[in-house]
Structures are given as structure tokens and as C-alpha cells.
Amino acid sequence: MMMTMPKLPDFLPLLTPLFKKQLTEARNLRRRQLDCLVPLVRARREFLRDSSKKMVGGVEMMSGPGEAYVDSLFDLEPPGRGKRPGEEELVTLCSEVMSAGTDTSATALEWAMMHLVLDPTVQERLYDEVVAKVGTTARITEADVEAMPYLQAVVKETFRRHPPSHFVLSHAATRDTELGGYRVPADASVEFYTAWVTENPETWPDPEAWRPERFLEGGEGFDTDITGTRALRMMPFGAGRRICPAATLGVLHIQLMLANMVREFRWVPPAGEGPPDPTETFAFTVVMKNSLRAAIVERATG
């Protein structure tokens, strides 16, 4: 959270002394991250020099040369920089992939399942769509989920109500401009609060309600896509040229997981427990304060 949320001292440096404890914690966290990952980066670099070794510095290499993400970064020279990424930059880039590539999808899936537990009618409608398309035993493919409008609506509504973060990653103004009567100078840090878009009642009637039908034909969100290319009504992955490069892949993973989980099992509150608690809290992403607990009932396949 300390590394992903905008911080008041970034905008009012005069207040920095008041946040000394938080800044110290952030520095300590960064130091621990470097202590953990820099040796792995060095071991990987050494392995690329001599790939005959499978154990380097006590680290077993599980993938061949060129198969790991970090391999593509060692010789990278971004235009205009004139130098390759240093070890700390490599750690940051790899950490972003590991965190943003797993936490966001897992969190979105948990939120979606929470709503399906709370609303069995929606869950059964989704089940009916999946079974009508692929049956009860066939493998569900990418082409299959692309032909499931209700599944897509469930995922979109989940991202609308529960974007991975309340803020997209920080941006900067590339030139002096004016917005809403305010002057925004070049290089100013720009933060986008996603709720201003996803909870706007002028765009989304009854915005607090989780209602996938709003993304079906005839609904107010029918022509909305999560990338904002057609209409900027939600931006769970950011927008524009700096949008998350794996947004399409992440959504596909969630759709495939959700379709399989609902087809194989019926999800209900555990016996003797009340409905799931929708209270949220912030970690790396916006997560459930109390993790989802659900009982699963195997569906008949005959």
C-alpha cells in the first residue's frame, strides 16, 4: 500500500516531517525487497553467461535462456536514456509483473465470487449460459467465453464496483494545460480517483448496486469496454497509452476461471454463517477486509 497509493507529502513536501514513520517503513520495505530480489537478478545474469550451470548462487534455474521475463530486460536500452536498467530498476520491473499480474486477477475473482454467493439468481443465470454454450464436460476455451455476454457482464460489473485500486498509477502532465478551470503545469503529478467515474450516478444509475444486466444490450453500460477506448466510463486498468499492457490477458483469465468455477460447483454461504462481508480494505489492491468463505456443492454432470 505504501508503494502504490499517492501520498500527501508528494504534493505538499512541507508536511514530510509529519510522515516520518511512514516514510521510514516504506524505505525499510524497499530495502527488504532489494535484499531478497537482487541476488536472484544477479544469479539469473550469471546463468545467461553460462547456461550449462543449473544452480547459480544457490538458486535453481527453472527456465532456459530467454524464457524468463527478466532476460528481456538485461540488454534493454530505452530510447533517450543511453543506459541499461540498473539492478534496482530490474527489481522494480519484476516486482510490478509479479504483483500486478497476480494480485489484481485474484482479487477481482474473489469479489466476483462474493457477489455470486450473495446473489444465487445471478449465479444460476451464469451457470445456465456456460452450460448452454459448452455443456457440462467440454473444455472452456477463449472463443467460448467471448460468446458469453452474461459472463462478460458479470466481470465488467465486478470491475466497475471493485476496481483493483481507487487510484490508477500516477501520471504526469507533459505540458502546461487547463482542466476544469484549473491550470495544470507541465510535470505536475496527476492522480485519477476511479470512483469519480464508476460511482457517478449520471453515468451509472444506482451506482452502489451490483447489477451485471447494466452491461447487456439495452443497459446503460452496453457499449462500454474496460479499456476506455469507446467511452471512458470505467478505468480499472488505467486508460490511454499507459494502460495496463496485460489488461486483455487478465480479463480472459478471470472469465475462464469464473466460467469453470461456476460450471463445476454451486457456491453458497457456509452452514451456520451469514452472507459474505463486502467491507473492503487496501493492501496492494482493494481487497475484502474478511476473506471470502463459501461452501461448494458439486453440480451434477449427467
C-alpha atoms as a PDB file:
ATOM      1  CA  MET A   1       0.000   0.000   0.000  1.00  0.00           C
ATOM      2  CA  MET A   2       2.837   2.402   0.857  1.00  0.00           C
ATOM      3  CA  MET A   3       4.265   1.931  -2.630  1.00  0.00           C
ATOM      4  CA  THR A   4       1.053   2.166  -4.657  1.00  0.00           C
ATOM      5  CA  MET A   5      -1.076   4.906  -3.075  1.00  0.00           C
ATOM      6  CA  PRO A   6      -0.476   8.626  -3.705  1.00  0.00           C
ATOM      7  CA  LYS A   7       0.889  10.309  -0.595  1.00  0.00           C
ATOM      8  CA  LEU A   8       0.209  13.782   0.771  1.00  0.00           C
ATOM      9  CA  PRO A   9       3.929  14.713   1.107  1.00  0.00           C
ATOM     10  CA  ASP A  10       4.299  14.154  -2.647  1.00  0.00           C
ATOM     11  CA  PHE A  11       2.064  17.191  -3.161  1.00  0.00           C
ATOM     12  CA  LEU A  12       2.947  19.192  -0.036  1.00  0.00           C
ATOM     13  CA  PRO A  13       6.631  18.489   0.761  1.00  0.00           C
ATOM     14  CA  LEU A  14       6.339  20.829   3.754  1.00  0.00           C
ATOM     15  CA  LEU A  15       4.373  18.062   5.513  1.00  0.00           C
ATOM     16  CA  THR A  16       7.087  15.425   5.043  1.00  0.00           C
ATOM     17  CA  PRO A  17       8.282  15.562   8.696  1.00  0.00           C
ATOM     18  CA  LEU A  18       4.769  14.609   9.830  1.00  0.00           C
ATOM     19  CA  PHE A  19       5.008  11.349   7.884  1.00  0.00           C
ATOM     20  CA  LYS A  20       8.472  10.346   9.054  1.00  0.00           C
ATOM     21  CA  LYS A  21       7.295   6.987  10.435  1.00  0.00           C
ATOM     22  CA  GLN A  22       5.514   6.003   7.214  1.00  0.00           C
ATOM     23  CA  LEU A  23       8.481   7.047   5.081  1.00  0.00           C
ATOM     24  CA  THR A  24      10.838   5.022   7.271  1.00  0.00           C
ATOM     25  CA  GLU A  25       8.578   1.977   6.928  1.00  0.00           C
ATOM     26  CA  ALA A  26       8.493   2.416   3.149  1.00  0.00           C
ATOM     27  CA  ARG A  27      12.297   2.641   2.963  1.00  0.00           C
ATOM     28  CA  ASN A  28      12.677  -0.448   5.149  1.00  0.00           C
ATOM     29  CA  LEU A  29      10.225  -2.344   2.967  1.00  0.00           C
ATOM     30  CA  ARG A  30      12.128  -1.331  -0.149  1.00  0.00           C
ATOM     31  CA  ARG A  31      15.410  -2.426   1.436  1.00  0.00           C
ATOM     32  CA  ARG A  32      13.971  -5.843   2.278  1.00  0.00           C
ATOM     33  CA  GLN A  33      12.658  -6.164  -1.257  1.00  0.00           C
ATOM     34  CA  LEU A  34      16.087  -5.415  -2.713  1.00  0.00           C
ATOM     35  CA  ASP A  35      17.828  -7.770  -0.283  1.00  0.00           C
ATOM     36  CA  CYS A  36      15.508 -10.549  -1.411  1.00  0.00           C
ATOM     37  CA  LEU A  37      15.440  -9.998  -5.168  1.00  0.00           C
ATOM     38  CA  VAL A  38      18.802  -8.510  -6.168  1.00  0.00           C
ATOM     39  CA  PRO A  39      20.616 -11.845  -5.521  1.00  0.00           C
ATOM     40  CA  LEU A  40      18.084 -13.546  -7.807  1.00  0.00           C
ATOM     41  CA  VAL A  41      18.693 -10.972 -10.538  1.00  0.00           C
ATOM     42  CA  ARG A  42      22.455 -11.446 -10.237  1.00  0.00           C
ATOM     43  CA  ALA A  43      22.109 -15.222 -10.324  1.00  0.00           C
ATOM     44  CA  ARG A  44      19.998 -15.020 -13.462  1.00  0.00           C
ATOM     45  CA  ARG A  45      22.522 -12.755 -15.170  1.00  0.00           C
ATOM     46  CA  GLU A  46      25.308 -15.196 -14.305  1.00  0.00           C
ATOM     47  CA  PHE A  47      23.239 -18.079 -15.677  1.00  0.00           C
ATOM     48  CA  LEU A  48      22.845 -16.301 -19.014  1.00  0.00           C
ATOM     49  CA  ARG A  49      26.635 -16.041 -19.240  1.00  0.00           C
ATOM     50  CA  ASP A  50      26.979 -19.802 -18.720  1.00  0.00           C
ATOM     51  CA  SER A  51      23.722 -21.691 -19.130  1.00  0.00           C
ATOM     52  CA  SER A  52      25.404 -25.043 -18.512  1.00  0.00           C
ATOM     53  CA  LYS A  53      25.013 -24.391 -14.784  1.00  0.00           C
ATOM     54  CA  LYS A  54      21.565 -25.124 -13.393  1.00  0.00           C
ATOM     55  CA  MET A  55      22.455 -23.983  -9.870  1.00  0.00           C
ATOM     56  CA  VAL A  56      23.814 -20.447  -9.570  1.00  0.00           C
ATOM     57  CA  GLY A  57      24.416 -18.883  -6.174  1.00  0.00           C
ATOM     58  CA  GLY A  58      22.170 -21.444  -4.543  1.00  0.00           C
ATOM     59  CA  VAL A  59      19.338 -20.655  -6.982  1.00  0.00           C
ATOM     60  CA  GLU A  60      17.998 -23.360  -9.306  1.00  0.00           C
ATOM     61  CA  MET A  61      17.241 -22.094 -12.797  1.00  0.00           C
ATOM     62  CA  MET A  62      13.866 -23.494 -13.851  1.00  0.00           C
ATOM     63  CA  SER A  63      13.718 -21.896 -17.314  1.00  0.00           C
ATOM     64  CA  GLY A  64      16.163 -21.738 -20.174  1.00  0.00           C
ATOM     65  CA  PRO A  65      17.930 -18.658 -21.539  1.00  0.00           C
ATOM     66  CA  GLY A  66      15.475 -16.117 -22.902  1.00  0.00           C
ATOM     67  CA  GLU A  67      12.469 -17.759 -21.236  1.00  0.00           C
ATOM     68  CA  ALA A  68      12.319 -15.546 -18.122  1.00  0.00           C
ATOM     69  CA  TYR A  69      10.871 -12.034 -18.193  1.00  0.00           C
ATOM     70  CA  VAL A  70      13.996 -10.545 -16.641  1.00  0.00           C
ATOM     71  CA  ASP A  71      16.095 -11.939 -19.514  1.00  0.00           C
ATOM     72  CA  SER A  72      14.464  -9.429 -21.849  1.00  0.00           C
ATOM     73  CA  LEU A  73      15.441  -6.535 -19.591  1.00  0.00           C
ATOM     74  CA  PHE A  74      19.186  -7.028 -19.155  1.00  0.00           C
ATOM     75  CA  ASP A  75      20.134  -5.576 -22.558  1.00  0.00           C
ATOM     76  CA  LEU A  76      17.212  -3.178 -22.824  1.00  0.00           C
ATOM     77  CA  GLU A  77      18.222   0.394 -23.725  1.00  0.00           C
ATOM     78  CA  PRO A  78      15.165   2.693 -23.662  1.00  0.00           C
ATOM     79  CA  PRO A  79      15.359   5.476 -26.269  1.00  0.00           C
ATOM     80  CA  GLY A  80      16.813   8.686 -24.905  1.00  0.00           C
ATOM     81  CA  ARG A  81      18.332   7.136 -21.775  1.00  0.00           C
ATOM     82  CA  GLY A  82      21.632   5.888 -23.103  1.00  0.00           C
ATOM     83  CA  LYS A  83      21.966   3.224 -20.424  1.00  0.00           C
ATOM     84  CA  ARG A  84      20.507  -0.112 -19.419  1.00  0.00           C
ATOM     85  CA  PRO A  85      18.333  -0.632 -16.327  1.00  0.00           C
ATOM     86  CA  GLY A  86      20.255  -0.981 -13.072  1.00  0.00           C
ATOM     87  CA  GLU A  87      19.649  -3.710 -10.522  1.00  0.00           C
ATOM     88  CA  GLU A  88      17.142  -1.653  -8.551  1.00  0.00           C
ATOM     89  CA  GLU A  89      15.176  -0.868 -11.711  1.00  0.00           C
ATOM     90  CA  LEU A  90      15.163  -4.552 -12.656  1.00  0.00           C
ATOM     91  CA  VAL A  91      13.780  -5.420  -9.223  1.00  0.00           C
ATOM     92  CA  THR A  92      11.035  -2.810  -9.632  1.00  0.00           C
ATOM     93  CA  LEU A  93      10.055  -4.042 -13.092  1.00  0.00           C
ATOM     94  CA  CYS A  94       9.940  -7.685 -11.998  1.00  0.00           C
ATOM     95  CA  SER A  95       8.009  -6.819  -8.832  1.00  0.00           C
ATOM     96  CA  GLU A  96       5.411  -4.969 -10.876  1.00  0.00           C
ATOM     97  CA  VAL A  97       4.848  -8.037 -13.046  1.00  0.00           C
ATOM     98  CA  MET A  98       4.599 -10.397 -10.068  1.00  0.00           C
ATOM     99  CA  SER A  99       2.261  -8.166  -8.072  1.00  0.00           C
ATOM    100  CA  ALA A 100       0.134  -6.520 -10.736  1.00  0.00           C
ATOM    101  CA  GLY A 101      -0.055  -9.746 -12.722  1.00  0.00           C
ATOM    102  CA  THR A 102      -1.417 -11.881  -9.897  1.00  0.00           C
ATOM    103  CA  ASP A 103      -2.989  -9.774  -7.148  1.00  0.00           C
ATOM    104  CA  THR A 104      -5.360  -7.887  -9.425  1.00  0.00           C
ATOM    105  CA  SER A 105      -6.788 -11.011 -11.085  1.00  0.00           C
ATOM    106  CA  ALA A 106      -7.099 -12.968  -7.842  1.00  0.00           C
ATOM    107  CA  THR A 107      -8.760 -10.034  -6.096  1.00  0.00           C
ATOM    108  CA  ALA A 108     -11.256  -9.453  -8.914  1.00  0.00           C
ATOM    109  CA  LEU A 109     -12.130 -13.149  -8.922  1.00  0.00           C
ATOM    110  CA  GLU A 110     -12.784 -13.097  -5.175  1.00  0.00           C
ATOM    111  CA  TRP A 111     -15.057 -10.056  -5.467  1.00  0.00           C
ATOM    112  CA  ALA A 112     -16.985 -11.691  -8.313  1.00  0.00           C
ATOM    113  CA  MET A 113     -17.461 -14.901  -6.334  1.00  0.00           C
ATOM    114  CA  MET A 114     -18.620 -12.894  -3.312  1.00  0.00           C
ATOM    115  CA  HIS A 115     -21.400 -11.331  -5.362  1.00  0.00           C
ATOM    116  CA  LEU A 116     -22.378 -14.686  -6.841  1.00  0.00           C
ATOM    117  CA  VAL A 117     -22.665 -16.122  -3.328  1.00  0.00           C
ATOM    118  CA  LEU A 118     -24.783 -13.131  -2.309  1.00  0.00           C
ATOM    119  CA  ASP A 119     -26.972 -13.384  -5.414  1.00  0.00           C
ATOM    120  CA  PRO A 120     -27.729 -17.024  -6.340  1.00  0.00           C
ATOM    121  CA  THR A 121     -30.086 -15.871  -9.097  1.00  0.00           C
ATOM    122  CA  VAL A 122     -27.190 -14.276 -10.968  1.00  0.00           C
ATOM    123  CA  GLN A 123     -25.049 -17.329 -10.253  1.00  0.00           C
ATOM    124  CA  GLU A 124     -27.608 -19.683 -11.776  1.00  0.00           C
ATOM    125  CA  ARG A 125     -28.120 -17.457 -14.802  1.00  0.00           C
ATOM    126  CA  LEU A 126     -24.374 -17.505 -15.379  1.00  0.00           C
ATOM    127  CA  TYR A 127     -24.299 -21.289 -14.955  1.00  0.00           C
ATOM    128  CA  ASP A 128     -27.101 -21.687 -17.492  1.00  0.00           C
ATOM    129  CA  GLU A 129     -25.218 -19.581 -20.035  1.00  0.00           C
ATOM    130  CA  VAL A 130     -21.987 -21.561 -19.627  1.00  0.00           C
ATOM    131  CA  VAL A 131     -23.723 -24.943 -19.897  1.00  0.00           C
ATOM    132  CA  ALA A 132     -25.810 -23.825 -22.869  1.00  0.00           C
ATOM    133  CA  LYS A 133     -22.628 -22.831 -24.684  1.00  0.00           C
ATOM    134  CA  VAL A 134     -20.211 -25.674 -23.871  1.00  0.00           C
ATOM    135  CA  GLY A 135     -22.117 -28.329 -21.953  1.00  0.00           C
ATOM    136  CA  THR A 136     -21.043 -29.824 -18.630  1.00  0.00           C
ATOM    137  CA  THR A 137     -17.811 -31.583 -19.597  1.00  0.00           C
ATOM    138  CA  ALA A 138     -16.150 -29.873 -22.588  1.00  0.00           C
ATOM    139  CA  ARG A 139     -13.105 -27.689 -22.037  1.00  0.00           C
ATOM    140  CA  ILE A 140     -13.991 -24.000 -21.964  1.00  0.00           C
ATOM    141  CA  THR A 141     -11.909 -22.026 -24.460  1.00  0.00           C
ATOM    142  CA  GLU A 142     -11.170 -18.382 -25.164  1.00  0.00           C
ATOM    143  CA  ALA A 143     -13.586 -18.476 -28.099  1.00  0.00           C
ATOM    144  CA  ASP A 144     -16.293 -19.828 -25.796  1.00  0.00           C
ATOM    145  CA  VAL A 145     -16.078 -17.025 -23.224  1.00  0.00           C
ATOM    146  CA  GLU A 146     -16.079 -14.426 -25.993  1.00  0.00           C
ATOM    147  CA  ALA A 147     -19.544 -15.752 -26.891  1.00  0.00           C
ATOM    148  CA  MET A 148     -20.887 -15.475 -23.327  1.00  0.00           C
ATOM    149  CA  PRO A 149     -22.312 -11.947 -22.914  1.00  0.00           C
ATOM    150  CA  TYR A 150     -23.605 -12.531 -19.392  1.00  0.00           C
ATOM    151  CA  LEU A 151     -20.212 -13.789 -18.201  1.00  0.00           C
ATOM    152  CA  GLN A 152     -18.613 -10.684 -19.690  1.00  0.00           C
ATOM    153  CA  ALA A 153     -21.246  -8.523 -17.989  1.00  0.00           C
ATOM    154  CA  VAL A 154     -20.523 -10.133 -14.610  1.00  0.00           C
ATOM    155  CA  VAL A 155     -16.798  -9.443 -14.986  1.00  0.00           C
ATOM    156  CA  LYS A 156     -17.331  -5.854 -16.156  1.00  0.00           C
ATOM    157  CA  GLU A 157     -19.713  -5.085 -13.306  1.00  0.00           C
ATOM    158  CA  THR A 158     -17.220  -6.551 -10.843  1.00  0.00           C
ATOM    159  CA  PHE A 159     -14.501  -4.243 -12.157  1.00  0.00           C
ATOM    160  CA  ARG A 160     -16.890  -1.288 -12.046  1.00  0.00           C
ATOM    161  CA  ARG A 161     -17.821  -1.861  -8.401  1.00  0.00           C
ATOM    162  CA  HIS A 162     -14.419  -3.119  -7.289  1.00  0.00           C
ATOM    163  CA  PRO A 163     -11.580  -1.682  -9.387  1.00  0.00           C
ATOM    164  CA  PRO A 164      -8.149  -3.059  -8.394  1.00  0.00           C
ATOM    165  CA  SER A 165      -7.279   0.294  -6.831  1.00  0.00           C
ATOM    166  CA  HIS A 166      -9.097   3.520  -6.001  1.00  0.00           C
ATOM    167  CA  PHE A 167      -6.310   5.298  -7.885  1.00  0.00           C
ATOM    168  CA  VAL A 168      -4.715   4.406 -11.201  1.00  0.00           C
ATOM    169  CA  LEU A 169      -0.929   4.613 -11.345  1.00  0.00           C
ATOM    170  CA  SER A 170       0.421   8.153 -11.114  1.00  0.00           C
ATOM    171  CA  HIS A 171       0.723  10.120 -14.326  1.00  0.00           C
ATOM    172  CA  ALA A 172       2.394  13.438 -15.128  1.00  0.00           C
ATOM    173  CA  ALA A 173       1.309  16.355 -17.285  1.00  0.00           C
ATOM    174  CA  THR A 174       3.513  16.544 -20.375  1.00  0.00           C
ATOM    175  CA  ARG A 175       2.795  20.232 -20.934  1.00  0.00           C
ATOM    176  CA  ASP A 176       1.017  23.192 -19.360  1.00  0.00           C
ATOM    177  CA  THR A 177      -2.721  22.768 -19.722  1.00  0.00           C
ATOM    178  CA  GLU A 178      -6.045  23.807 -18.236  1.00  0.00           C
ATOM    179  CA  LEU A 179      -8.678  21.430 -16.888  1.00  0.00           C
ATOM    180  CA  GLY A 180     -11.983  22.440 -15.355  1.00  0.00           C
ATOM    181  CA  GLY A 181     -10.784  25.995 -14.894  1.00  0.00           C
ATOM    182  CA  TYR A 182      -7.575  24.939 -13.128  1.00  0.00           C
ATOM    183  CA  ARG A 183      -4.087  25.408 -14.523  1.00  0.00           C
ATOM    184  CA  VAL A 184      -2.044  22.204 -14.550  1.00  0.00           C
ATOM    185  CA  PRO A 185       1.677  22.929 -15.051  1.00  0.00           C
ATOM    186  CA  ALA A 186       3.978  20.664 -17.014  1.00  0.00           C
ATOM    187  CA  ASP A 187       5.490  17.780 -14.992  1.00  0.00           C
ATOM    188  CA  ALA A 188       2.769  18.037 -12.321  1.00  0.00           C
ATOM    189  CA  SER A 189       1.794  14.690 -10.805  1.00  0.00           C
ATOM    190  CA  VAL A 190      -1.734  13.734 -11.854  1.00  0.00           C
ATOM    191  CA  GLU A 191      -3.832  11.243  -9.876  1.00  0.00           C
ATOM    192  CA  PHE A 192      -7.106   9.754 -11.104  1.00  0.00           C
ATOM    193  CA  TYR A 193      -9.650   8.669  -8.492  1.00  0.00           C
ATOM    194  CA  THR A 194     -11.583   5.835 -10.121  1.00  0.00           C
ATOM    195  CA  ALA A 195     -14.751   6.299  -8.043  1.00  0.00           C
ATOM    196  CA  TRP A 196     -15.354   9.670  -9.687  1.00  0.00           C
ATOM    197  CA  VAL A 197     -16.019   7.678 -12.838  1.00  0.00           C
ATOM    198  CA  THR A 198     -17.502   4.383 -11.652  1.00  0.00           C
ATOM    199  CA  GLU A 199     -19.764   5.853  -8.961  1.00  0.00           C
ATOM    200  CA  ASN A 200     -21.096   8.784 -10.959  1.00  0.00           C
ATOM    201  CA  PRO A 201     -24.925   8.484 -10.815  1.00  0.00           C
ATOM    202  CA  GLU A 202     -25.233  10.460 -14.043  1.00  0.00           C
ATOM    203  CA  THR A 203     -23.359   7.685 -15.818  1.00  0.00           C
ATOM    204  CA  TRP A 204     -24.391   4.700 -13.705  1.00  0.00           C
ATOM    205  CA  PRO A 205     -27.904   4.819 -12.199  1.00  0.00           C
ATOM    206  CA  ASP A 206     -27.918   3.294  -8.707  1.00  0.00           C
ATOM    207  CA  PRO A 207     -24.102   3.036  -8.793  1.00  0.00           C
ATOM    208  CA  GLU A 208     -23.793   1.219  -5.443  1.00  0.00           C
ATOM    209  CA  ALA A 209     -25.794  -1.748  -6.744  1.00  0.00           C
ATOM    210  CA  TRP A 210     -24.020  -4.711  -8.329  1.00  0.00           C
ATOM    211  CA  ARG A 211     -26.124  -5.387 -11.403  1.00  0.00           C
ATOM    212  CA  PRO A 212     -24.471  -7.172 -14.357  1.00  0.00           C
ATOM    213  CA  GLU A 213     -27.543  -6.574 -16.518  1.00  0.00           C
ATOM    214  CA  ARG A 214     -26.468  -2.959 -16.978  1.00  0.00           C
ATOM    215  CA  PHE A 215     -23.799  -4.261 -19.403  1.00  0.00           C
ATOM    216  CA  LEU A 216     -26.229  -6.254 -21.533  1.00  0.00           C
ATOM    217  CA  GLU A 217     -27.986  -4.920 -24.624  1.00  0.00           C
ATOM    218  CA  GLY A 218     -30.349  -2.157 -23.564  1.00  0.00           C
ATOM    219  CA  GLY A 219     -28.381  -1.364 -20.407  1.00  0.00           C
ATOM    220  CA  GLU A 220     -26.543   1.881 -19.765  1.00  0.00           C
ATOM    221  CA  GLY A 221     -23.165   0.142 -19.993  1.00  0.00           C
ATOM    222  CA  PHE A 222     -23.754  -1.981 -23.079  1.00  0.00           C
ATOM    223  CA  ASP A 223     -21.296  -0.061 -25.267  1.00  0.00           C
ATOM    224  CA  THR A 224     -18.676   0.293 -22.513  1.00  0.00           C
ATOM    225  CA  ASP A 225     -15.382  -1.563 -22.550  1.00  0.00           C
ATOM    226  CA  ILE A 226     -12.886  -1.665 -19.695  1.00  0.00           C
ATOM    227  CA  THR A 227     -10.100  -0.059 -21.724  1.00  0.00           C
ATOM    228  CA  GLY A 228     -11.993   3.188 -22.243  1.00  0.00           C
ATOM    229  CA  THR A 229     -11.398   3.181 -25.993  1.00  0.00           C
ATOM    230  CA  ARG A 230     -15.087   3.700 -26.818  1.00  0.00           C
ATOM    231  CA  ALA A 231     -16.269   5.630 -23.753  1.00  0.00           C
ATOM    232  CA  LEU A 232     -14.377   6.453 -20.569  1.00  0.00           C
ATOM    233  CA  ARG A 233     -16.947   5.182 -18.062  1.00  0.00           C
ATOM    234  CA  MET A 234     -14.583   2.992 -16.071  1.00  0.00           C
ATOM    235  CA  MET A 235     -10.822   2.555 -15.946  1.00  0.00           C
ATOM    236  CA  PRO A 236      -9.847  -0.410 -13.763  1.00  0.00           C
ATOM    237  CA  PHE A 237      -6.607  -0.786 -15.729  1.00  0.00           C
ATOM    238  CA  GLY A 238      -5.974   2.879 -16.444  1.00  0.00           C
ATOM    239  CA  ALA A 239      -6.551   4.444 -19.851  1.00  0.00           C
ATOM    240  CA  GLY A 240      -4.696   5.738 -22.860  1.00  0.00           C
ATOM    241  CA  ARG A 241      -1.175   4.786 -23.873  1.00  0.00           C
ATOM    242  CA  ARG A 242      -0.193   3.937 -20.284  1.00  0.00           C
ATOM    243  CA  ILE A 243      -2.991   1.434 -19.744  1.00  0.00           C
ATOM    244  CA  CYS A 244      -2.010  -1.905 -18.206  1.00  0.00           C
ATOM    245  CA  PRO A 245      -0.422  -3.901 -21.067  1.00  0.00           C
ATOM    246  CA  ALA A 246      -1.859  -7.173 -19.727  1.00  0.00           C
ATOM    247  CA  ALA A 247      -5.455  -5.977 -19.271  1.00  0.00           C
ATOM    248  CA  THR A 248      -6.865  -8.201 -22.011  1.00  0.00           C
ATOM    249  CA  LEU A 249      -4.987 -11.254 -20.756  1.00  0.00           C
ATOM    250  CA  GLY A 250      -6.038 -10.623 -17.159  1.00  0.00           C
ATOM    251  CA  VAL A 251      -9.710 -10.312 -18.078  1.00  0.00           C
ATOM    252  CA  LEU A 252      -9.507 -13.512 -20.123  1.00  0.00           C
ATOM    253  CA  HIS A 253      -8.023 -15.401 -17.161  1.00  0.00           C
ATOM    254  CA  ILE A 254     -10.816 -14.171 -14.892  1.00  0.00           C
ATOM    255  CA  GLN A 255     -13.505 -15.115 -17.402  1.00  0.00           C
ATOM    256  CA  LEU A 256     -12.092 -18.619 -17.844  1.00  0.00           C
ATOM    257  CA  MET A 257     -11.711 -19.182 -14.103  1.00  0.00           C
ATOM    258  CA  LEU A 258     -15.172 -17.849 -13.319  1.00  0.00           C
ATOM    259  CA  ALA A 259     -16.848 -19.938 -16.019  1.00  0.00           C
ATOM    260  CA  ASN A 260     -15.158 -23.114 -14.799  1.00  0.00           C
ATOM    261  CA  MET A 261     -15.782 -22.460 -11.109  1.00  0.00           C
ATOM    262  CA  VAL A 262     -19.489 -21.805 -11.623  1.00  0.00           C
ATOM    263  CA  ARG A 263     -19.971 -24.715 -14.013  1.00  0.00           C
ATOM    264  CA  GLU A 264     -18.349 -27.256 -11.687  1.00  0.00           C
ATOM    265  CA  PHE A 265     -19.734 -26.055  -8.351  1.00  0.00           C
ATOM    266  CA  ARG A 266     -22.589 -24.165  -6.764  1.00  0.00           C
ATOM    267  CA  TRP A 267     -21.237 -21.580  -4.311  1.00  0.00           C
ATOM    268  CA  VAL A 268     -23.192 -20.865  -1.114  1.00  0.00           C
ATOM    269  CA  PRO A 269     -22.515 -19.380   2.344  1.00  0.00           C
ATOM    270  CA  PRO A 270     -21.033 -21.935   4.785  1.00  0.00           C
ATOM    271  CA  ALA A 271     -23.568 -23.653   7.034  1.00  0.00           C
ATOM    272  CA  GLY A 272     -24.295 -21.628  10.140  1.00  0.00           C
ATOM    273  CA  GLU A 273     -22.666 -18.478   8.765  1.00  0.00           C
ATOM    274  CA  GLY A 274     -24.210 -15.328   7.409  1.00  0.00           C
ATOM    275  CA  PRO A 275     -23.612 -13.834   3.967  1.00  0.00           C
ATOM    276  CA  PRO A 276     -20.101 -12.657   3.000  1.00  0.00           C
ATOM    277  CA  ASP A 277     -18.930  -9.319   4.364  1.00  0.00           C
ATOM    278  CA  PRO A 278     -18.489  -6.834   1.474  1.00  0.00           C
ATOM    279  CA  THR A 279     -16.319  -4.451   3.517  1.00  0.00           C
ATOM    280  CA  GLU A 280     -13.133  -3.569   1.669  1.00  0.00           C
ATOM    281  CA  THR A 281      -9.638  -2.626   2.747  1.00  0.00           C
ATOM    282  CA  PHE A 282      -6.491  -1.680   0.865  1.00  0.00           C
ATOM    283  CA  ALA A 283      -3.398  -3.850   0.531  1.00  0.00           C
ATOM    284  CA  PHE A 284      -1.566  -3.835  -2.827  1.00  0.00           C
ATOM    285  CA  THR A 285      -5.071  -3.820  -4.305  1.00  0.00           C
ATOM    286  CA  VAL A 286      -8.535  -3.151  -2.876  1.00  0.00           C
ATOM    287  CA  VAL A 287      -9.333  -6.479  -1.196  1.00  0.00           C
ATOM    288  CA  MET A 288     -12.052  -7.909   1.018  1.00  0.00           C
ATOM    289  CA  LYS A 289     -11.456  -6.993   4.655  1.00  0.00           C
ATOM    290  CA  ASN A 290     -12.521 -10.514   5.607  1.00  0.00           C
ATOM    291  CA  SER A 291     -11.573 -13.115   3.021  1.00  0.00           C
ATOM    292  CA  LEU A 292     -14.415 -14.856   1.254  1.00  0.00           C
ATOM    293  CA  ARG A 293     -15.686 -18.022   2.891  1.00  0.00           C
ATOM    294  CA  ALA A 294     -18.007 -20.206   0.856  1.00  0.00           C
ATOM    295  CA  ALA A 295     -19.213 -23.779   0.734  1.00  0.00           C
ATOM    296  CA  ILE A 296     -19.077 -25.527  -2.627  1.00  0.00           C
ATOM    297  CA  VAL A 297     -21.583 -28.081  -3.846  1.00  0.00           C
ATOM    298  CA  GLU A 298     -20.598 -30.233  -6.803  1.00  0.00           C
ATOM    299  CA  ARG A 299     -23.014 -29.927  -9.683  1.00  0.00           C
ATOM    300  CA  ALA A 300     -24.448 -32.962 -11.427  1.00  0.00           C
ATOM    301  CA  THR A 301     -22.835 -33.592 -14.816  1.00  0.00           C
ATOM    302  CA  GLY A 302     -25.321 -36.097 -16.151  1.00  0.00           C
END
